Every structure is written in C-alpha cells, then in structure tokens.
Amino acid sequence: METDGLETFWSDLLSADPARIRSAASGLSPDERQAVVDHLRRMAAEPGWSDGQRRNARAALHALGEG
C-alpha cells in the first residue's frame, strides 16, 4: 500500500465512524485484519498513546466486532 493509501486507511480506521472503519477494513485479508486488530488492541491498552488515539482505537475495535 502506498503512503497516501496507508494514511487514508489509518485515518478511516481511527475516525470513530463505524461505517468508515468497516469500509477501511473490508479489503483486508484475514491475516492483515488480525494484524490491524492486534495493533488497535495495543493502542487501546498500552502506554504512550494519546487519550484520543486510545479512544479511537477502542471505537475501531468495537466497530469491527472485536471489542
């Protein structure tokens, strides 16, 4: 994925908009989806992320049925 596409992907995934989140994740392979979910879980739980990033990671996990 090119840089612009990657930035758009993460922007959509962390948008807190369930439709944008599901749309962004819809094209992922099962392995890619698992890697993204694992990363979102780290964002939601580990120190070093801002409150907004943590909140949006939790929203993404919820929209994806993973949280």
PDB file of N, CA and C in Angstrom:
ATOM      1  N   MET A   1       0.861  -1.177   0.000  1.00  0.00           N
ATOM      2  CA  MET A   1       0.000   0.000   0.000  1.00  0.00           C
ATOM      3  C   MET A   1       0.903   1.234   0.000  1.00  0.00           C
ATOM      4  N   GLU A   2       0.624   2.167  -0.882  1.00  0.00           N
ATOM      5  CA  GLU A   2       1.435   3.381  -0.948  1.00  0.00           C
ATOM      6  C   GLU A   2       1.166   4.269   0.266  1.00  0.00           C
ATOM      7  N   THR A   3       2.059   5.229   0.497  1.00  0.00           N
ATOM      8  CA  THR A   3       1.977   6.070   1.692  1.00  0.00           C
ATOM      9  C   THR A   3       0.638   6.791   1.805  1.00  0.00           C
ATOM     10  N   ASP A   4       0.167   7.408   0.718  1.00  0.00           N
ATOM     11  CA  ASP A   4      -1.117   8.108   0.779  1.00  0.00           C
ATOM     12  C   ASP A   4      -2.258   7.150   1.104  1.00  0.00           C
ATOM     13  N   GLY A   5      -2.231   5.985   0.505  1.00  0.00           N
ATOM     14  CA  GLY A   5      -3.263   4.991   0.778  1.00  0.00           C
ATOM     15  C   GLY A   5      -3.203   4.496   2.209  1.00  0.00           C
ATOM     16  N   LEU A   6      -1.999   4.348   2.736  1.00  0.00           N
ATOM     17  CA  LEU A   6      -1.826   3.915   4.112  1.00  0.00           C
ATOM     18  C   LEU A   6      -2.324   4.979   5.087  1.00  0.00           C
ATOM     19  N   GLU A   7      -2.021   6.237   4.793  1.00  0.00           N
ATOM     20  CA  GLU A   7      -2.505   7.335   5.634  1.00  0.00           C
ATOM     21  C   GLU A   7      -4.028   7.404   5.617  1.00  0.00           C
ATOM     22  N   THR A   8      -4.621   7.239   4.451  1.00  0.00           N
ATOM     23  CA  THR A   8      -6.077   7.255   4.335  1.00  0.00           C
ATOM     24  C   THR A   8      -6.683   6.080   5.090  1.00  0.00           C
ATOM     25  N   PHE A   9      -6.073   4.906   4.960  1.00  0.00           N
ATOM     26  CA  PHE A   9      -6.549   3.716   5.652  1.00  0.00           C
ATOM     27  C   PHE A   9      -6.606   3.958   7.160  1.00  0.00           C
ATOM     28  N   TRP A  10      -5.497   4.423   7.743  1.00  0.00           N
ATOM     29  CA  TRP A  10      -5.468   4.641   9.193  1.00  0.00           C
ATOM     30  C   TRP A  10      -6.354   5.802   9.606  1.00  0.00           C
ATOM     31  N   SER A  11      -6.458   6.809   8.774  1.00  0.00           N
ATOM     32  CA  SER A  11      -7.369   7.917   9.070  1.00  0.00           C
ATOM     33  C   SER A  11      -8.805   7.414   9.149  1.00  0.00           C
ATOM     34  N   ASP A  12      -9.191   6.574   8.201  1.00  0.00           N
ATOM     35  CA  ASP A  12     -10.536   5.996   8.213  1.00  0.00           C
ATOM     36  C   ASP A  12     -10.711   5.053   9.402  1.00  0.00           C
ATOM     37  N   LEU A  13      -9.715   4.230   9.650  1.00  0.00           N
ATOM     38  CA  LEU A  13      -9.815   3.245  10.721  1.00  0.00           C
ATOM     39  C   LEU A  13      -9.920   3.916  12.092  1.00  0.00           C
ATOM     40  N   LEU A  14      -9.272   5.057  12.255  1.00  0.00           N
ATOM     41  CA  LEU A  14      -9.288   5.747  13.550  1.00  0.00           C
ATOM     42  C   LEU A  14     -10.236   6.936  13.557  1.00  0.00           C
ATOM     43  N   SER A  15     -11.203   6.930  12.656  1.00  0.00           N
ATOM     44  CA  SER A  15     -12.133   8.051  12.514  1.00  0.00           C
ATOM     45  C   SER A  15     -13.241   8.065  13.568  1.00  0.00           C
ATOM     46  N   ALA A  16     -13.463   6.966  14.240  1.00  0.00           N
ATOM     47  CA  ALA A  16     -14.575   6.788  15.190  1.00  0.00           C
ATOM     48  C   ALA A  16     -15.925   6.727  14.482  1.00  0.00           C
ATOM     49  N   ASP A  17     -15.925   6.633  13.163  1.00  0.00           N
ATOM     50  CA  ASP A  17     -17.147   6.489  12.368  1.00  0.00           C
ATOM     51  C   ASP A  17     -17.267   5.017  11.968  1.00  0.00           C
ATOM     52  N   PRO A  18     -18.219   4.291  12.555  1.00  0.00           N
ATOM     53  CA  PRO A  18     -18.304   2.844  12.288  1.00  0.00           C
ATOM     54  C   PRO A  18     -18.350   2.473  10.806  1.00  0.00           C
ATOM     55  N   ALA A  19     -19.055   3.232   9.996  1.00  0.00           N
ATOM     56  CA  ALA A  19     -19.139   2.905   8.561  1.00  0.00           C
ATOM     57  C   ALA A  19     -17.776   3.060   7.887  1.00  0.00           C
ATOM     58  N   ARG A  20     -17.053   4.128   8.203  1.00  0.00           N
ATOM     59  CA  ARG A  20     -15.711   4.330   7.630  1.00  0.00           C
ATOM     60  C   ARG A  20     -14.753   3.252   8.104  1.00  0.00           C
ATOM     61  N   ILE A  21     -14.865   2.882   9.368  1.00  0.00           N
ATOM     62  CA  ILE A  21     -13.988   1.857   9.937  1.00  0.00           C
ATOM     63  C   ILE A  21     -14.215   0.525   9.228  1.00  0.00           C
ATOM     64  N   ARG A  22     -15.469   0.110   9.120  1.00  0.00           N
ATOM     65  CA  ARG A  22     -15.774  -1.174   8.462  1.00  0.00           C
ATOM     66  C   ARG A  22     -15.367  -1.147   6.993  1.00  0.00           C
ATOM     67  N   SER A  23     -15.582  -0.010   6.330  1.00  0.00           N
ATOM     68  CA  SER A  23     -15.191   0.106   4.926  1.00  0.00           C
ATOM     69  C   SER A  23     -13.677  -0.023   4.770  1.00  0.00           C
ATOM     70  N   ALA A  24     -12.935   0.631   5.644  1.00  0.00           N
ATOM     71  CA  ALA A  24     -11.467   0.568   5.570  1.00  0.00           C
ATOM     72  C   ALA A  24     -10.972  -0.857   5.765  1.00  0.00           C
ATOM     73  N   ALA A  25     -11.615  -1.592   6.657  1.00  0.00           N
ATOM     74  CA  ALA A  25     -11.172  -2.952   6.974  1.00  0.00           C
ATOM     75  C   ALA A  25     -11.692  -3.990   5.996  1.00  0.00           C
ATOM     76  N   SER A  26     -12.655  -3.634   5.177  1.00  0.00           N
ATOM     77  CA  SER A  26     -13.322  -4.625   4.328  1.00  0.00           C
ATOM     78  C   SER A  26     -12.402  -5.284   3.312  1.00  0.00           C
ATOM     79  N   GLY A  27     -11.370  -4.611   2.874  1.00  0.00           N
ATOM     80  CA  GLY A  27     -10.483  -5.175   1.864  1.00  0.00           C
ATOM     81  C   GLY A  27      -9.296  -5.934   2.418  1.00  0.00           C
ATOM     82  N   LEU A  28      -9.230  -6.079   3.734  1.00  0.00           N
ATOM     83  CA  LEU A  28      -8.090  -6.756   4.345  1.00  0.00           C
ATOM     84  C   LEU A  28      -8.240  -8.277   4.275  1.00  0.00           C
ATOM     85  N   SER A  29      -7.117  -8.933   4.102  1.00  0.00           N
ATOM     86  CA  SER A  29      -7.101 -10.392   4.202  1.00  0.00           C
ATOM     87  C   SER A  29      -7.270 -10.752   5.682  1.00  0.00           C
ATOM     88  N   PRO A  30      -7.595 -11.996   5.975  1.00  0.00           N
ATOM     89  CA  PRO A  30      -7.715 -12.392   7.383  1.00  0.00           C
ATOM     90  C   PRO A  30      -6.439 -12.110   8.199  1.00  0.00           C
ATOM     91  N   ASP A  31      -5.279 -12.369   7.613  1.00  0.00           N
ATOM     92  CA  ASP A  31      -4.022 -12.101   8.324  1.00  0.00           C
ATOM     93  C   ASP A  31      -3.804 -10.613   8.535  1.00  0.00           C
ATOM     94  N   GLU A  32      -4.103  -9.799   7.524  1.00  0.00           N
ATOM     95  CA  GLU A  32      -3.972  -8.349   7.665  1.00  0.00           C
ATOM     96  C   GLU A  32      -4.941  -7.816   8.722  1.00  0.00           C
ATOM     97  N   ARG A  33      -6.161  -8.314   8.683  1.00  0.00           N
ATOM     98  CA  ARG A  33      -7.152  -7.874   9.667  1.00  0.00           C
ATOM     99  C   ARG A  33      -6.681  -8.204  11.082  1.00  0.00           C
ATOM    100  N   GLN A  34      -6.148  -9.400  11.273  1.00  0.00           N
ATOM    101  CA  GLN A  34      -5.665  -9.783  12.605  1.00  0.00           C
ATOM    102  C   GLN A  34      -4.522  -8.885  13.048  1.00  0.00           C
ATOM    103  N   ALA A  35      -3.612  -8.541  12.135  1.00  0.00           N
ATOM    104  CA  ALA A  35      -2.504  -7.644  12.475  1.00  0.00           C
ATOM    105  C   ALA A  35      -3.030  -6.267  12.872  1.00  0.00           C
ATOM    106  N   VAL A  36      -4.047  -5.775  12.151  1.00  0.00           N
ATOM    107  CA  VAL A  36      -4.640  -4.475  12.470  1.00  0.00           C
ATOM    108  C   VAL A  36      -5.338  -4.533  13.828  1.00  0.00           C
ATOM    109  N   VAL A  37      -6.100  -5.583  14.078  1.00  0.00           N
ATOM    110  CA  VAL A  37      -6.792  -5.737  15.369  1.00  0.00           C
ATOM    111  C   VAL A  37      -5.772  -5.802  16.502  1.00  0.00           C
ATOM    112  N   ASP A  38      -4.694  -6.544  16.309  1.00  0.00           N
ATOM    113  CA  ASP A  38      -3.648  -6.636  17.335  1.00  0.00           C
ATOM    114  C   ASP A  38      -3.058  -5.257  17.618  1.00  0.00           C
ATOM    115  N   HIS A  39      -2.810  -4.493  16.563  1.00  0.00           N
ATOM    116  CA  HIS A  39      -2.259  -3.145  16.731  1.00  0.00           C
ATOM    117  C   HIS A  39      -3.256  -2.239  17.461  1.00  0.00           C
ATOM    118  N   LEU A  40      -4.517  -2.309  17.075  1.00  0.00           N
ATOM    119  CA  LEU A  40      -5.539  -1.498  17.745  1.00  0.00           C
ATOM    120  C   LEU A  40      -5.635  -1.857  19.224  1.00  0.00           C
ATOM    121  N   ARG A  41      -5.521  -3.124  19.547  1.00  0.00           N
ATOM    122  CA  ARG A  41      -5.555  -3.549  20.956  1.00  0.00           C
ATOM    123  C   ARG A  41      -4.375  -2.965  21.725  1.00  0.00           C
ATOM    124  N   ARG A  42      -3.200  -2.950  21.083  1.00  0.00           N
ATOM    125  CA  ARG A  42      -2.041  -2.337  21.742  1.00  0.00           C
ATOM    126  C   ARG A  42      -2.275  -0.840  21.933  1.00  0.00           C
ATOM    127  N   MET A  43      -2.803  -0.196  20.909  1.00  0.00           N
ATOM    128  CA  MET A  43      -3.081   1.241  21.010  1.00  0.00           C
ATOM    129  C   MET A  43      -4.053   1.528  22.151  1.00  0.00           C
ATOM    130  N   ALA A  44      -5.058   0.699  22.296  1.00  0.00           N
ATOM    131  CA  ALA A  44      -6.094   0.918  23.297  1.00  0.00           C
ATOM    132  C   ALA A  44      -5.600   0.662  24.714  1.00  0.00           C
ATOM    133  N   ALA A  45      -4.578  -0.173  24.868  1.00  0.00           N
ATOM    134  CA  ALA A  45      -4.201  -0.625  26.200  1.00  0.00           C
ATOM    135  C   ALA A  45      -2.816  -0.189  26.675  1.00  0.00           C
ATOM    136  N   GLU A  46      -1.888   0.005  25.760  1.00  0.00           N
ATOM    137  CA  GLU A  46      -0.509   0.275  26.176  1.00  0.00           C
ATOM    138  C   GLU A  46      -0.266   1.761  26.395  1.00  0.00           C
ATOM    139  N   PRO A  47       0.663   2.093  27.288  1.00  0.00           N
ATOM    140  CA  PRO A  47       1.018   3.496  27.483  1.00  0.00           C
ATOM    141  C   PRO A  47       1.710   4.055  26.242  1.00  0.00           C
ATOM    142  N   GLY A  48       1.719   5.370  26.153  1.00  0.00           N
ATOM    143  CA  GLY A  48       2.417   6.024  25.051  1.00  0.00           C
ATOM    144  C   GLY A  48       1.503   6.558  23.966  1.00  0.00           C
ATOM    145  N   TRP A  49       0.239   6.204  24.015  1.00  0.00           N
ATOM    146  CA  TRP A  49      -0.734   6.697  23.051  1.00  0.00           C
ATOM    147  C   TRP A  49      -1.552   7.804  23.712  1.00  0.00           C
ATOM    148  N   SER A  50      -1.976   8.778  22.936  1.00  0.00           N
ATOM    149  CA  SER A  50      -2.798   9.852  23.492  1.00  0.00           C
ATOM    150  C   SER A  50      -4.189   9.321  23.844  1.00  0.00           C
ATOM    151  N   ASP A  51      -4.897  10.068  24.678  1.00  0.00           N
ATOM    152  CA  ASP A  51      -6.262   9.672  25.033  1.00  0.00           C
ATOM    153  C   ASP A  51      -7.139   9.538  23.790  1.00  0.00           C
ATOM    154  N   GLY A  52      -7.002  10.465  22.847  1.00  0.00           N
ATOM    155  CA  GLY A  52      -7.783  10.415  21.614  1.00  0.00           C
ATOM    156  C   GLY A  52      -7.467   9.186  20.785  1.00  0.00           C
ATOM    157  N   GLN A  53      -6.182   8.837  20.678  1.00  0.00           N
ATOM    158  CA  GLN A  53      -5.792   7.643  19.936  1.00  0.00           C
ATOM    159  C   GLN A  53      -6.355   6.391  20.606  1.00  0.00           C
ATOM    160  N   ARG A  54      -6.291   6.341  21.920  1.00  0.00           N
ATOM    161  CA  ARG A  54      -6.799   5.187  22.649  1.00  0.00           C
ATOM    162  C   ARG A  54      -8.307   5.063  22.467  1.00  0.00           C
ATOM    163  N   ARG A  55      -9.003   6.185  22.565  1.00  0.00           N
ATOM    164  CA  ARG A  55     -10.463   6.207  22.401  1.00  0.00           C
ATOM    165  C   ARG A  55     -10.852   5.752  20.991  1.00  0.00           C
ATOM    166  N   ASN A  56     -10.147   6.254  19.985  1.00  0.00           N
ATOM    167  CA  ASN A  56     -10.470   5.888  18.601  1.00  0.00           C
ATOM    168  C   ASN A  56     -10.098   4.443  18.297  1.00  0.00           C
ATOM    169  N   ALA A  57      -9.045   3.948  18.912  1.00  0.00           N
ATOM    170  CA  ALA A  57      -8.696   2.532  18.740  1.00  0.00           C
ATOM    171  C   ALA A  57      -9.795   1.653  19.334  1.00  0.00           C
ATOM    172  N   ARG A  58     -10.303   2.023  20.507  1.00  0.00           N
ATOM    173  CA  ARG A  58     -11.407   1.257  21.108  1.00  0.00           C
ATOM    174  C   ARG A  58     -12.659   1.327  20.233  1.00  0.00           C
ATOM    175  N   ALA A  59     -12.938   2.508  19.651  1.00  0.00           N
ATOM    176  CA  ALA A  59     -14.091   2.641  18.759  1.00  0.00           C
ATOM    177  C   ALA A  59     -13.931   1.746  17.534  1.00  0.00           C
ATOM    178  N   ALA A  60     -12.716   1.680  17.002  1.00  0.00           N
ATOM    179  CA  ALA A  60     -12.468   0.829  15.830  1.00  0.00           C
ATOM    180  C   ALA A  60     -12.664  -0.636  16.194  1.00  0.00           C
ATOM    181  N   LEU A  61     -12.131  -1.043  17.336  1.00  0.00           N
ATOM    182  CA  LEU A  61     -12.309  -2.436  17.767  1.00  0.00           C
ATOM    183  C   LEU A  61     -13.786  -2.757  17.926  1.00  0.00           C
ATOM    184  N   HIS A  62     -14.534  -1.849  18.499  1.00  0.00           N
ATOM    185  CA  HIS A  62     -15.966  -2.062  18.677  1.00  0.00           C
ATOM    186  C   HIS A  62     -16.670  -2.183  17.316  1.00  0.00           C
ATOM    187  N   ALA A  63     -16.362  -1.273  16.380  1.00  0.00           N
ATOM    188  CA  ALA A  63     -16.990  -1.283  15.052  1.00  0.00           C
ATOM    189  C   ALA A  63     -16.668  -2.564  14.290  1.00  0.00           C
ATOM    190  N   LEU A  64     -15.500  -3.126  14.566  1.00  0.00           N
ATOM    191  CA  LEU A  64     -15.080  -4.356  13.892  1.00  0.00           C
ATOM    192  C   LEU A  64     -15.542  -5.608  14.628  1.00  0.00           C
ATOM    193  N   GLY A  65     -16.283  -5.415  15.721  1.00  0.00           N
ATOM    194  CA  GLY A  65     -16.768  -6.554  16.485  1.00  0.00           C
ATOM    195  C   GLY A  65     -15.700  -7.241  17.305  1.00  0.00           C
ATOM    196  N   GLU A  66     -14.649  -6.500  17.627  1.00  0.00           N
ATOM    197  CA  GLU A  66     -13.524  -7.069  18.348  1.00  0.00           C
ATOM    198  C   GLU A  66     -13.357  -6.490  19.750  1.00  0.00           C
ATOM    199  N   GLY A  67     -14.288  -5.645  20.158  1.00  0.00           N
ATOM    200  CA  GLY A  67     -14.096  -5.009  21.461  1.00  0.00           C
ATOM    201  C   GLY A  67     -15.373  -4.762  22.196  1.00  0.00           C
TER     202      GLY A  67
END
